[in-house]
Amino acid sequence: MRQLRACDDFVSAQDLHRRLEDEGVRVGLATVYRQLNALADAGAADTIRLEGQQLYRLCGDDGHHHHLVCRECGRTVEIDPPSESWLRRIADGHGFTVESHTLEVFGLCPDCR
């Protein structure tokens, strides 16, 4: 958990496993995956999918949020969620009811443009 907390950006299970091994922590990659998925399932970690790879980051204490994600370097920025009324209007227009939502906007950050 300490290693994950030290990561400012999203990190893959493989990268986290490598960091743990570099510190002398002996843990299997499957265990790292299980722990990251358990944190995500409990709402304690955010996950995004970038270039076919699942990435993780501990959630802040600021509640529900979404992300801008740079496709080149993986930098992420938390953004405010769209309004609930906008989501309901879109869903209603298609005959859906909203149970939950996630929003990830992918593009290029200023450094990668």
PDB file of N, CA and C in Angstrom:
ATOM      1  N   MET A   1       0.834  -1.189   0.000  1.00  0.00           N
ATOM      2  CA  MET A   1       0.000   0.000   0.000  1.00  0.00           C
ATOM      3  C   MET A   1       0.880   1.254   0.000  1.00  0.00           C
ATOM      4  N   ARG A   2       1.986   1.215   0.731  1.00  0.00           N
ATOM      5  CA  ARG A   2       2.885   2.369   0.796  1.00  0.00           C
ATOM      6  C   ARG A   2       3.435   2.707  -0.584  1.00  0.00           C
ATOM      7  N   GLN A   3       3.814   1.680  -1.337  1.00  0.00           N
ATOM      8  CA  GLN A   3       4.336   1.908  -2.681  1.00  0.00           C
ATOM      9  C   GLN A   3       3.271   2.515  -3.586  1.00  0.00           C
ATOM     10  N   LEU A   4       2.049   2.044  -3.478  1.00  0.00           N
ATOM     11  CA  LEU A   4       0.968   2.586  -4.299  1.00  0.00           C
ATOM     12  C   LEU A   4       0.678   4.026  -3.893  1.00  0.00           C
ATOM     13  N   ARG A   5       0.715   4.303  -2.612  1.00  0.00           N
ATOM     14  CA  ARG A   5       0.477   5.665  -2.118  1.00  0.00           C
ATOM     15  C   ARG A   5       1.554   6.619  -2.633  1.00  0.00           C
ATOM     16  N   ALA A   6       2.763   6.119  -2.836  1.00  0.00           N
ATOM     17  CA  ALA A   6       3.873   6.951  -3.303  1.00  0.00           C
ATOM     18  C   ALA A   6       3.757   7.308  -4.782  1.00  0.00           C
ATOM     19  N   CYS A   7       2.866   6.650  -5.512  1.00  0.00           N
ATOM     20  CA  CYS A   7       2.700   6.901  -6.943  1.00  0.00           C
ATOM     21  C   CYS A   7       1.729   8.058  -7.162  1.00  0.00           C
ATOM     22  N   ASP A   8       2.188   9.102  -7.835  1.00  0.00           N
ATOM     23  CA  ASP A   8       1.307  10.225  -8.151  1.00  0.00           C
ATOM     24  C   ASP A   8       0.373   9.894  -9.303  1.00  0.00           C
ATOM     25  N   ASP A   9       0.868   9.121 -10.253  1.00  0.00           N
ATOM     26  CA  ASP A   9       0.075   8.759 -11.422  1.00  0.00           C
ATOM     27  C   ASP A   9      -0.381   7.312 -11.311  1.00  0.00           C
ATOM     28  N   PHE A  10      -1.185   6.897 -12.256  1.00  0.00           N
ATOM     29  CA  PHE A  10      -1.644   5.515 -12.296  1.00  0.00           C
ATOM     30  C   PHE A  10      -0.458   4.603 -12.573  1.00  0.00           C
ATOM     31  N   VAL A  11      -0.525   3.387 -12.043  1.00  0.00           N
ATOM     32  CA  VAL A  11       0.568   2.427 -12.179  1.00  0.00           C
ATOM     33  C   VAL A  11      -0.023   1.051 -12.475  1.00  0.00           C
ATOM     34  N   SER A  12       0.703   0.269 -13.254  1.00  0.00           N
ATOM     35  CA  SER A  12       0.253  -1.096 -13.545  1.00  0.00           C
ATOM     36  C   SER A  12       0.655  -2.023 -12.406  1.00  0.00           C
ATOM     37  N   ALA A  13       0.022  -3.172 -12.348  1.00  0.00           N
ATOM     38  CA  ALA A  13       0.381  -4.179 -11.343  1.00  0.00           C
ATOM     39  C   ALA A  13       1.833  -4.607 -11.529  1.00  0.00           C
ATOM     40  N   GLN A  14       2.270  -4.730 -12.789  1.00  0.00           N
ATOM     41  CA  GLN A  14       3.651  -5.136 -13.059  1.00  0.00           C
ATOM     42  C   GLN A  14       4.645  -4.102 -12.545  1.00  0.00           C
ATOM     43  N   ASP A  15       4.354  -2.809 -12.789  1.00  0.00           N
ATOM     44  CA  ASP A  15       5.253  -1.761 -12.307  1.00  0.00           C
ATOM     45  C   ASP A  15       5.292  -1.720 -10.784  1.00  0.00           C
ATOM     46  N   LEU A  16       4.139  -1.871 -10.160  1.00  0.00           N
ATOM     47  CA  LEU A  16       4.088  -1.875  -8.700  1.00  0.00           C
ATOM     48  C   LEU A  16       4.850  -3.077  -8.143  1.00  0.00           C
ATOM     49  N   HIS A  17       4.687  -4.232  -8.776  1.00  0.00           N
ATOM     50  CA  HIS A  17       5.404  -5.443  -8.364  1.00  0.00           C
ATOM     51  C   HIS A  17       6.916  -5.222  -8.460  1.00  0.00           C
ATOM     52  N   ARG A  18       7.355  -4.610  -9.552  1.00  0.00           N
ATOM     53  CA  ARG A  18       8.785  -4.340  -9.744  1.00  0.00           C
ATOM     54  C   ARG A  18       9.305  -3.386  -8.651  1.00  0.00           C
ATOM     55  N   ARG A  19       8.529  -2.361  -8.321  1.00  0.00           N
ATOM     56  CA  ARG A  19       8.936  -1.418  -7.266  1.00  0.00           C
ATOM     57  C   ARG A  19       9.053  -2.122  -5.914  1.00  0.00           C
ATOM     58  N   LEU A  20       8.109  -3.009  -5.630  1.00  0.00           N
ATOM     59  CA  LEU A  20       8.159  -3.763  -4.379  1.00  0.00           C
ATOM     60  C   LEU A  20       9.401  -4.642  -4.329  1.00  0.00           C
ATOM     61  N   GLU A  21       9.684  -5.336  -5.443  1.00  0.00           N
ATOM     62  CA  GLU A  21      10.876  -6.188  -5.485  1.00  0.00           C
ATOM     63  C   GLU A  21      12.146  -5.365  -5.318  1.00  0.00           C
ATOM     64  N   ASP A  22      12.179  -4.163  -5.923  1.00  0.00           N
ATOM     65  CA  ASP A  22      13.350  -3.287  -5.782  1.00  0.00           C
ATOM     66  C   ASP A  22      13.589  -2.898  -4.330  1.00  0.00           C
ATOM     67  N   GLU A  23      12.527  -2.882  -3.529  1.00  0.00           N
ATOM     68  CA  GLU A  23      12.653  -2.580  -2.097  1.00  0.00           C
ATOM     69  C   GLU A  23      12.922  -3.830  -1.267  1.00  0.00           C
ATOM     70  N   GLY A  24      13.015  -4.982  -1.922  1.00  0.00           N
ATOM     71  CA  GLY A  24      13.282  -6.222  -1.212  1.00  0.00           C
ATOM     72  C   GLY A  24      12.042  -6.925  -0.695  1.00  0.00           C
ATOM     73  N   VAL A  25      10.867  -6.453  -1.095  1.00  0.00           N
ATOM     74  CA  VAL A  25       9.617  -7.083  -0.666  1.00  0.00           C
ATOM     75  C   VAL A  25       9.353  -8.276  -1.578  1.00  0.00           C
ATOM     76  N   ARG A  26       9.212  -9.450  -0.984  1.00  0.00           N
ATOM     77  CA  ARG A  26       8.953 -10.661  -1.766  1.00  0.00           C
ATOM     78  C   ARG A  26       7.454 -10.919  -1.781  1.00  0.00           C
ATOM     79  N   VAL A  27       6.861 -10.693  -2.945  1.00  0.00           N
ATOM     80  CA  VAL A  27       5.426 -10.900  -3.124  1.00  0.00           C
ATOM     81  C   VAL A  27       5.203 -11.304  -4.574  1.00  0.00           C
ATOM     82  N   GLY A  28       4.256 -12.184  -4.784  1.00  0.00           N
ATOM     83  CA  GLY A  28       3.974 -12.643  -6.128  1.00  0.00           C
ATOM     84  C   GLY A  28       3.151 -11.627  -6.915  1.00  0.00           C
ATOM     85  N   LEU A  29       3.327 -11.636  -8.220  1.00  0.00           N
ATOM     86  CA  LEU A  29       2.574 -10.736  -9.088  1.00  0.00           C
ATOM     87  C   LEU A  29       1.070 -10.981  -8.961  1.00  0.00           C
ATOM     88  N   ALA A  30       0.666 -12.240  -8.831  1.00  0.00           N
ATOM     89  CA  ALA A  30      -0.762 -12.559  -8.682  1.00  0.00           C
ATOM     90  C   ALA A  30      -1.328 -11.930  -7.407  1.00  0.00           C
ATOM     91  N   THR A  31      -0.528 -11.896  -6.350  1.00  0.00           N
ATOM     92  CA  THR A  31      -0.965 -11.268  -5.095  1.00  0.00           C
ATOM     93  C   THR A  31      -1.145  -9.768  -5.283  1.00  0.00           C
ATOM     94  N   VAL A  32      -0.233  -9.144  -6.017  1.00  0.00           N
ATOM     95  CA  VAL A  32      -0.351  -7.706  -6.295  1.00  0.00           C
ATOM     96  C   VAL A  32      -1.644  -7.444  -7.063  1.00  0.00           C
ATOM     97  N   TYR A  33      -1.913  -8.252  -8.088  1.00  0.00           N
ATOM     98  CA  TYR A  33      -3.166  -8.107  -8.848  1.00  0.00           C
ATOM     99  C   TYR A  33      -4.385  -8.255  -7.929  1.00  0.00           C
ATOM    100  N   ARG A  34      -4.378  -9.278  -7.092  1.00  0.00           N
ATOM    101  CA  ARG A  34      -5.524  -9.508  -6.191  1.00  0.00           C
ATOM    102  C   ARG A  34      -5.745  -8.325  -5.259  1.00  0.00           C
ATOM    103  N   GLN A  35      -4.660  -7.812  -4.692  1.00  0.00           N
ATOM    104  CA  GLN A  35      -4.775  -6.689  -3.760  1.00  0.00           C
ATOM    105  C   GLN A  35      -5.263  -5.426  -4.469  1.00  0.00           C
ATOM    106  N   LEU A  36      -4.740  -5.163  -5.661  1.00  0.00           N
ATOM    107  CA  LEU A  36      -5.180  -3.982  -6.409  1.00  0.00           C
ATOM    108  C   LEU A  36      -6.652  -4.095  -6.790  1.00  0.00           C
ATOM    109  N   ASN A  37      -7.063  -5.274  -7.233  1.00  0.00           N
ATOM    110  CA  ASN A  37      -8.473  -5.468  -7.585  1.00  0.00           C
ATOM    111  C   ASN A  37      -9.375  -5.360  -6.365  1.00  0.00           C
ATOM    112  N   ALA A  38      -8.910  -5.845  -5.217  1.00  0.00           N
ATOM    113  CA  ALA A  38      -9.697  -5.720  -3.985  1.00  0.00           C
ATOM    114  C   ALA A  38      -9.844  -4.252  -3.591  1.00  0.00           C
ATOM    115  N   LEU A  39      -8.769  -3.469  -3.727  1.00  0.00           N
ATOM    116  CA  LEU A  39      -8.846  -2.034  -3.435  1.00  0.00           C
ATOM    117  C   LEU A  39      -9.820  -1.341  -4.382  1.00  0.00           C
ATOM    118  N   ALA A  40      -9.759  -1.711  -5.663  1.00  0.00           N
ATOM    119  CA  ALA A  40     -10.670  -1.110  -6.644  1.00  0.00           C
ATOM    120  C   ALA A  40     -12.114  -1.495  -6.352  1.00  0.00           C
ATOM    121  N   ASP A  41     -12.351  -2.762  -6.036  1.00  0.00           N
ATOM    122  CA  ASP A  41     -13.713  -3.226  -5.731  1.00  0.00           C
ATOM    123  C   ASP A  41     -14.280  -2.529  -4.495  1.00  0.00           C
ATOM    124  N   ALA A  42     -13.406  -2.199  -3.550  1.00  0.00           N
ATOM    125  CA  ALA A  42     -13.839  -1.528  -2.320  1.00  0.00           C
ATOM    126  C   ALA A  42     -13.971  -0.019  -2.509  1.00  0.00           C
ATOM    127  N   GLY A  43     -13.604   0.476  -3.706  1.00  0.00           N
ATOM    128  CA  GLY A  43     -13.685   1.907  -3.965  1.00  0.00           C
ATOM    129  C   GLY A  43     -12.501   2.688  -3.434  1.00  0.00           C
ATOM    130  N   ALA A  44     -11.451   1.988  -3.005  1.00  0.00           N
ATOM    131  CA  ALA A  44     -10.274   2.655  -2.453  1.00  0.00           C
ATOM    132  C   ALA A  44      -9.230   2.982  -3.517  1.00  0.00           C
ATOM    133  N   ALA A  45      -9.370   2.405  -4.713  1.00  0.00           N
ATOM    134  CA  ALA A  45      -8.433   2.676  -5.803  1.00  0.00           C
ATOM    135  C   ALA A  45      -9.209   2.958  -7.081  1.00  0.00           C
ATOM    136  N   ASP A  46      -8.700   3.915  -7.847  1.00  0.00           N
ATOM    137  CA  ASP A  46      -9.238   4.191  -9.176  1.00  0.00           C
ATOM    138  C   ASP A  46      -8.571   3.248 -10.159  1.00  0.00           C
ATOM    139  N   THR A  47      -9.258   2.919 -11.227  1.00  0.00           N
ATOM    140  CA  THR A  47      -8.653   2.141 -12.301  1.00  0.00           C
ATOM    141  C   THR A  47      -8.998   2.796 -13.627  1.00  0.00           C
ATOM    142  N   ILE A  48      -8.046   2.729 -14.547  1.00  0.00           N
ATOM    143  CA  ILE A  48      -8.300   3.133 -15.923  1.00  0.00           C
ATOM    144  C   ILE A  48      -7.668   2.090 -16.822  1.00  0.00           C
ATOM    145  N   ARG A  49      -8.118   2.043 -18.042  1.00  0.00           N
ATOM    146  CA  ARG A  49      -7.546   1.135 -19.026  1.00  0.00           C
ATOM    147  C   ARG A  49      -6.862   1.997 -20.073  1.00  0.00           C
ATOM    148  N   LEU A  50      -5.557   1.813 -20.251  1.00  0.00           N
ATOM    149  CA  LEU A  50      -4.770   2.592 -21.195  1.00  0.00           C
ATOM    150  C   LEU A  50      -3.922   1.645 -22.016  1.00  0.00           C
ATOM    151  N   GLU A  51      -4.117   1.697 -23.322  1.00  0.00           N
ATOM    152  CA  GLU A  51      -3.363   0.852 -24.256  1.00  0.00           C
ATOM    153  C   GLU A  51      -3.420  -0.616 -23.861  1.00  0.00           C
ATOM    154  N   GLY A  52      -4.610  -1.090 -23.509  1.00  0.00           N
ATOM    155  CA  GLY A  52      -4.819  -2.495 -23.197  1.00  0.00           C
ATOM    156  C   GLY A  52      -4.328  -2.928 -21.830  1.00  0.00           C
ATOM    157  N   GLN A  53      -3.887  -1.988 -21.018  1.00  0.00           N
ATOM    158  CA  GLN A  53      -3.347  -2.325 -19.698  1.00  0.00           C
ATOM    159  C   GLN A  53      -4.189  -1.660 -18.611  1.00  0.00           C
ATOM    160  N   GLN A  54      -4.508  -2.415 -17.563  1.00  0.00           N
ATOM    161  CA  GLN A  54      -5.251  -1.872 -16.423  1.00  0.00           C
ATOM    162  C   GLN A  54      -4.266  -1.158 -15.508  1.00  0.00           C
ATOM    163  N   LEU A  55      -4.580   0.085 -15.158  1.00  0.00           N
ATOM    164  CA  LEU A  55      -3.732   0.885 -14.284  1.00  0.00           C
ATOM    165  C   LEU A  55      -4.507   1.261 -13.030  1.00  0.00           C
ATOM    166  N   TYR A  56      -3.788   1.469 -11.930  1.00  0.00           N
ATOM    167  CA  TYR A  56      -4.414   1.696 -10.625  1.00  0.00           C
ATOM    168  C   TYR A  56      -3.788   2.909  -9.941  1.00  0.00           C
ATOM    169  N   ARG A  57      -4.586   3.553  -9.087  1.00  0.00           N
ATOM    170  CA  ARG A  57      -4.096   4.632  -8.229  1.00  0.00           C
ATOM    171  C   ARG A  57      -5.019   4.728  -7.028  1.00  0.00           C
ATOM    172  N   LEU A  58      -4.448   4.967  -5.854  1.00  0.00           N
ATOM    173  CA  LEU A  58      -5.288   5.139  -4.671  1.00  0.00           C
ATOM    174  C   LEU A  58      -6.176   6.355  -4.857  1.00  0.00           C
ATOM    175  N   CYS A  59      -7.412   6.245  -4.419  1.00  0.00           N
ATOM    176  CA  CYS A  59      -8.361   7.353  -4.508  1.00  0.00           C
ATOM    177  C   CYS A  59      -8.034   8.393  -3.455  1.00  0.00           C
ATOM    178  N   GLY A  60      -8.303   9.631  -3.806  1.00  0.00           N
ATOM    179  CA  GLY A  60      -8.227  10.696  -2.815  1.00  0.00           C
ATOM    180  C   GLY A  60      -9.482  10.660  -1.960  1.00  0.00           C
ATOM    181  N   ASP A  61      -9.572  11.570  -1.045  1.00  0.00           N
ATOM    182  CA  ASP A  61     -10.731  11.638  -0.159  1.00  0.00           C
ATOM    183  C   ASP A  61     -11.782  12.615  -0.663  1.00  0.00           C
ATOM    184  N   ASP A  62     -11.679  13.010  -1.935  1.00  0.00           N
ATOM    185  CA  ASP A  62     -12.558  14.059  -2.436  1.00  0.00           C
ATOM    186  C   ASP A  62     -13.810  13.529  -3.130  1.00  0.00           C
ATOM    187  N   GLY A  63     -14.151  12.296  -2.913  1.00  0.00           N
ATOM    188  CA  GLY A  63     -15.393  11.756  -3.458  1.00  0.00           C
ATOM    189  C   GLY A  63     -15.303  11.362  -4.917  1.00  0.00           C
ATOM    190  N   HIS A  64     -16.458  11.305  -5.550  1.00  0.00           N
ATOM    191  CA  HIS A  64     -16.577  10.844  -6.931  1.00  0.00           C
ATOM    192  C   HIS A  64     -15.862  11.804  -7.879  1.00  0.00           C
ATOM    193  N   HIS A  65     -15.038  11.269  -8.765  1.00  0.00           N
ATOM    194  CA  HIS A  65     -14.306  12.109  -9.700  1.00  0.00           C
ATOM    195  C   HIS A  65     -14.017  11.343 -10.983  1.00  0.00           C
ATOM    196  N   HIS A  66     -13.544  12.077 -11.968  1.00  0.00           N
ATOM    197  CA  HIS A  66     -13.237  11.515 -13.279  1.00  0.00           C
ATOM    198  C   HIS A  66     -11.852  11.994 -13.696  1.00  0.00           C
ATOM    199  N   HIS A  67     -11.383  11.524 -14.856  1.00  0.00           N
ATOM    200  CA  HIS A  67      -9.999  11.793 -15.221  1.00  0.00           C
ATOM    201  C   HIS A  67      -9.835  12.228 -16.674  1.00  0.00           C
ATOM    202  N   LEU A  68      -8.883  13.141 -16.893  1.00  0.00           N
ATOM    203  CA  LEU A  68      -8.287  13.379 -18.200  1.00  0.00           C
ATOM    204  C   LEU A  68      -7.029  12.523 -18.203  1.00  0.00           C
ATOM    205  N   VAL A  69      -6.798  11.774 -19.276  1.00  0.00           N
ATOM    206  CA  VAL A  69      -5.657  10.859 -19.332  1.00  0.00           C
ATOM    207  C   VAL A  69      -4.872  11.118 -20.606  1.00  0.00           C
ATOM    208  N   CYS A  70      -3.566  11.352 -20.478  1.00  0.00           N
ATOM    209  CA  CYS A  70      -2.713  11.535 -21.649  1.00  0.00           C
ATOM    210  C   CYS A  70      -2.379  10.165 -22.235  1.00  0.00           C
ATOM    211  N   ARG A  71      -2.699   9.984 -23.506  1.00  0.00           N
ATOM    212  CA  ARG A  71      -2.423   8.707 -24.181  1.00  0.00           C
ATOM    213  C   ARG A  71      -0.929   8.467 -24.379  1.00  0.00           C
ATOM    214  N   GLU A  72      -0.136   9.538 -24.372  1.00  0.00           N
ATOM    215  CA  GLU A  72       1.293   9.397 -24.631  1.00  0.00           C
ATOM    216  C   GLU A  72       2.078   9.034 -23.367  1.00  0.00           C
ATOM    217  N   CYS A  73       1.920   9.825 -22.305  1.00  0.00           N
ATOM    218  CA  CYS A  73       2.745   9.620 -21.104  1.00  0.00           C
ATOM    219  C   CYS A  73       1.968   9.046 -19.920  1.00  0.00           C
ATOM    220  N   GLY A  74       0.633   8.990 -20.009  1.00  0.00           N
ATOM    221  CA  GLY A  74      -0.174   8.433 -18.930  1.00  0.00           C
ATOM    222  C   GLY A  74      -0.520   9.415 -17.826  1.00  0.00           C
ATOM    223  N   ARG A  75      -0.075  10.674 -17.957  1.00  0.00           N
ATOM    224  CA  ARG A  75      -0.406  11.687 -16.938  1.00  0.00           C
ATOM    225  C   ARG A  75      -1.916  11.777 -16.787  1.00  0.00           C
ATOM    226  N   THR A  76      -2.374  11.933 -15.556  1.00  0.00           N
ATOM    227  CA  THR A  76      -3.811  12.037 -15.309  1.00  0.00           C
ATOM    228  C   THR A  76      -4.111  13.280 -14.490  1.00  0.00           C
ATOM    229  N   VAL A  77      -5.273  13.834 -14.758  1.00  0.00           N
ATOM    230  CA  VAL A  77      -5.761  14.992 -14.026  1.00  0.00           C
ATOM    231  C   VAL A  77      -7.189  14.682 -13.617  1.00  0.00           C
ATOM    232  N   GLU A  78      -7.504  14.887 -12.351  1.00  0.00           N
ATOM    233  CA  GLU A  78      -8.880  14.676 -11.900  1.00  0.00           C
ATOM    234  C   GLU A  78      -9.732  15.856 -12.339  1.00  0.00           C
ATOM    235  N   ILE A  79     -10.934  15.548 -12.829  1.00  0.00           N
ATOM    236  CA  ILE A  79     -11.858  16.589 -13.271  1.00  0.00           C
ATOM    237  C   ILE A  79     -13.187  16.414 -12.553  1.00  0.00           C
ATOM    238  N   ASP A  80     -13.948  17.497 -12.484  1.00  0.00           N
ATOM    239  CA  ASP A  80     -15.270  17.435 -11.867  1.00  0.00           C
ATOM    240  C   ASP A  80     -16.202  16.601 -12.734  1.00  0.00           C
ATOM    241  N   PRO A  81     -17.110  15.871 -12.113  1.00  0.00           N
ATOM    242  CA  PRO A  81     -18.044  15.041 -12.884  1.00  0.00           C
ATOM    243  C   PRO A  81     -19.082  15.904 -13.591  1.00  0.00           C
ATOM    244  N   PRO A  82     -19.663  15.369 -14.673  1.00  0.00           N
ATOM    245  CA  PRO A  82     -20.777  16.077 -15.306  1.00  0.00           C
ATOM    246  C   PRO A  82     -21.956  16.115 -14.341  1.00  0.00           C
ATOM    247  N   SER A  83     -22.874  17.020 -14.580  1.00  0.00           N
ATOM    248  CA  SER A  83     -24.016  17.137 -13.669  1.00  0.00           C
ATOM    249  C   SER A  83     -24.900  15.897 -13.758  1.00  0.00           C
ATOM    250  N   GLU A  84     -25.489  15.559 -12.638  1.00  0.00           N
ATOM    251  CA  GLU A  84     -26.394  14.404 -12.588  1.00  0.00           C
ATOM    252  C   GLU A  84     -27.590  14.617 -13.514  1.00  0.00           C
ATOM    253  N   SER A  85     -28.064  15.859 -13.624  1.00  0.00           N
ATOM    254  CA  SER A  85     -29.220  16.112 -14.498  1.00  0.00           C
ATOM    255  C   SER A  85     -28.852  15.871 -15.962  1.00  0.00           C
ATOM    256  N   TRP A  86     -27.620  16.220 -16.359  1.00  0.00           N
ATOM    257  CA  TRP A  86     -27.173  15.954 -17.725  1.00  0.00           C
ATOM    258  C   TRP A  86     -27.142  14.450 -17.979  1.00  0.00           C
ATOM    259  N   LEU A  87     -26.612  13.692 -17.020  1.00  0.00           N
ATOM    260  CA  LEU A  87     -26.556  12.238 -17.173  1.00  0.00           C
ATOM    261  C   LEU A  87     -27.956  11.634 -17.275  1.00  0.00           C
ATOM    262  N   ARG A  88     -28.857  12.091 -16.413  1.00  0.00           N
ATOM    263  CA  ARG A  88     -30.235  11.574 -16.454  1.00  0.00           C
ATOM    264  C   ARG A  88     -30.919  11.908 -17.778  1.00  0.00           C
ATOM    265  N   ARG A  89     -30.705  13.122 -18.266  1.00  0.00           N
ATOM    266  CA  ARG A  89     -31.316  13.534 -19.535  1.00  0.00           C
ATOM    267  C   ARG A  89     -30.821  12.654 -20.690  1.00  0.00           C
ATOM    268  N   ILE A  90     -29.527  12.411 -20.743  1.00  0.00           N
ATOM    269  CA  ILE A  90     -28.953  11.551 -21.792  1.00  0.00           C
ATOM    270  C   ILE A  90     -29.510  10.136 -21.664  1.00  0.00           C
ATOM    271  N   ALA A  91     -29.497   9.596 -20.455  1.00  0.00           N
ATOM    272  CA  ALA A  91     -29.994   8.232 -20.230  1.00  0.00           C
ATOM    273  C   ALA A  91     -31.475   8.137 -20.574  1.00  0.00           C
ATOM    274  N   ASP A  92     -32.280   9.091 -20.090  1.00  0.00           N
ATOM    275  CA  ASP A  92     -33.724   9.085 -20.373  1.00  0.00           C
ATOM    276  C   ASP A  92     -33.992   9.127 -21.870  1.00  0.00           C
ATOM    277  N   GLY A  93     -33.198   9.898 -22.587  1.00  0.00           N
ATOM    278  CA  GLY A  93     -33.374  10.014 -24.033  1.00  0.00           C
ATOM    279  C   GLY A  93     -33.162   8.707 -24.770  1.00  0.00           C
ATOM    280  N   HIS A  94     -32.471   7.787 -24.132  1.00  0.00           N
ATOM    281  CA  HIS A  94     -32.211   6.476 -24.742  1.00  0.00           C
ATOM    282  C   HIS A  94     -32.931   5.356 -24.005  1.00  0.00           C
ATOM    283  N   GLY A  95     -33.820   5.723 -23.073  1.00  0.00           N
ATOM    284  CA  GLY A  95     -34.598   4.723 -22.350  1.00  0.00           C
ATOM    285  C   GLY A  95     -33.839   4.007 -21.245  1.00  0.00           C
ATOM    286  N   PHE A  96     -32.731   4.580 -20.782  1.00  0.00           N
ATOM    287  CA  PHE A  96     -31.919   3.964 -19.726  1.00  0.00           C
ATOM    288  C   PHE A  96     -32.204   4.624 -18.385  1.00  0.00           C
ATOM    289  N   THR A  97     -31.895   3.910 -17.307  1.00  0.00           N
ATOM    290  CA  THR A  97     -31.816   4.515 -15.981  1.00  0.00           C
ATOM    291  C   THR A  97     -30.352   4.457 -15.554  1.00  0.00           C
ATOM    292  N   VAL A  98     -29.885   5.493 -14.900  1.00  0.00           N
ATOM    293  CA  VAL A  98     -28.484   5.564 -14.476  1.00  0.00           C
ATOM    294  C   VAL A  98     -28.326   4.861 -13.134  1.00  0.00           C
ATOM    295  N   GLU A  99     -27.447   3.870 -13.095  1.00  0.00           N
ATOM    296  CA  GLU A  99     -27.111   3.189 -11.842  1.00  0.00           C
ATOM    297  C   GLU A  99     -25.752   3.639 -11.329  1.00  0.00           C
ATOM    298  N   SER A 100     -24.830   3.856 -12.241  1.00  0.00           N
ATOM    299  CA  SER A 100     -23.504   4.375 -11.899  1.00  0.00           C
ATOM    300  C   SER A 100     -22.877   4.882 -13.190  1.00  0.00           C
ATOM    301  N   HIS A 101     -21.755   5.576 -13.065  1.00  0.00           N
ATOM    302  CA  HIS A 101     -21.071   6.046 -14.262  1.00  0.00           C
ATOM    303  C   HIS A 101     -19.587   6.234 -13.987  1.00  0.00           C
ATOM    304  N   THR A 102     -18.824   6.233 -15.070  1.00  0.00           N
ATOM    305  CA  THR A 102     -17.395   6.493 -15.041  1.00  0.00           C
ATOM    306  C   THR A 102     -17.080   7.343 -16.259  1.00  0.00           C
ATOM    307  N   LEU A 103     -16.153   8.262 -16.131  1.00  0.00           N
ATOM    308  CA  LEU A 103     -15.787   9.095 -17.267  1.00  0.00           C
ATOM    309  C   LEU A 103     -14.279   9.232 -17.308  1.00  0.00           C
ATOM    310  N   GLU A 104     -13.696   8.824 -18.419  1.00  0.00           N
ATOM    311  CA  GLU A 104     -12.272   8.991 -18.666  1.00  0.00           C
ATOM    312  C   GLU A 104     -12.152   9.646 -20.024  1.00  0.00           C
ATOM    313  N   VAL A 105     -11.488  10.796 -20.080  1.00  0.00           N
ATOM    314  CA  VAL A 105     -11.296  11.527 -21.324  1.00  0.00           C
ATOM    315  C   VAL A 105      -9.833  11.365 -21.713  1.00  0.00           C
ATOM    316  N   PHE A 106      -9.588  10.816 -22.908  1.00  0.00           N
ATOM    317  CA  PHE A 106      -8.230  10.547 -23.366  1.00  0.00           C
ATOM    318  C   PHE A 106      -7.810  11.579 -24.403  1.00  0.00           C
ATOM    319  N   GLY A 107      -6.565  12.001 -24.328  1.00  0.00           N
ATOM    320  CA  GLY A 107      -6.012  12.969 -25.275  1.00  0.00           C
ATOM    321  C   GLY A 107      -4.527  13.109 -25.027  1.00  0.00           C
ATOM    322  N   LEU A 108      -3.986  14.285 -25.360  1.00  0.00           N
ATOM    323  CA  LEU A 108      -2.566  14.560 -25.150  1.00  0.00           C
ATOM    324  C   LEU A 108      -2.410  15.731 -24.191  1.00  0.00           C
ATOM    325  N   CYS A 109      -1.541  15.568 -23.202  1.00  0.00           N
ATOM    326  CA  CYS A 109      -1.273  16.644 -22.245  1.00  0.00           C
ATOM    327  C   CYS A 109      -0.426  17.720 -22.937  1.00  0.00           C
ATOM    328  N   PRO A 110      -0.277  18.895 -22.321  1.00  0.00           N
ATOM    329  CA  PRO A 110       0.513  19.962 -22.947  1.00  0.00           C
ATOM    330  C   PRO A 110       1.950  19.550 -23.263  1.00  0.00           C
ATOM    331  N   ASP A 111       2.574  18.739 -22.416  1.00  0.00           N
ATOM    332  CA  ASP A 111       3.960  18.327 -22.657  1.00  0.00           C
ATOM    333  C   ASP A 111       4.103  17.370 -23.833  1.00  0.00           C
ATOM    334  N   CYS A 112       3.048  16.635 -24.166  1.00  0.00           N
ATOM    335  CA  CYS A 112       3.126  15.621 -25.230  1.00  0.00           C
ATOM    336  C   CYS A 112       2.568  16.109 -26.573  1.00  0.00           C
ATOM    337  N   ARG A 113       1.981  17.283 -26.590  1.00  0.00           N
ATOM    338  CA  ARG A 113       1.434  17.803 -27.858  1.00  0.00           C
ATOM    339  C   ARG A 113       2.507  18.179 -28.814  1.00  0.00           C
TER     340      ARG A 113
END
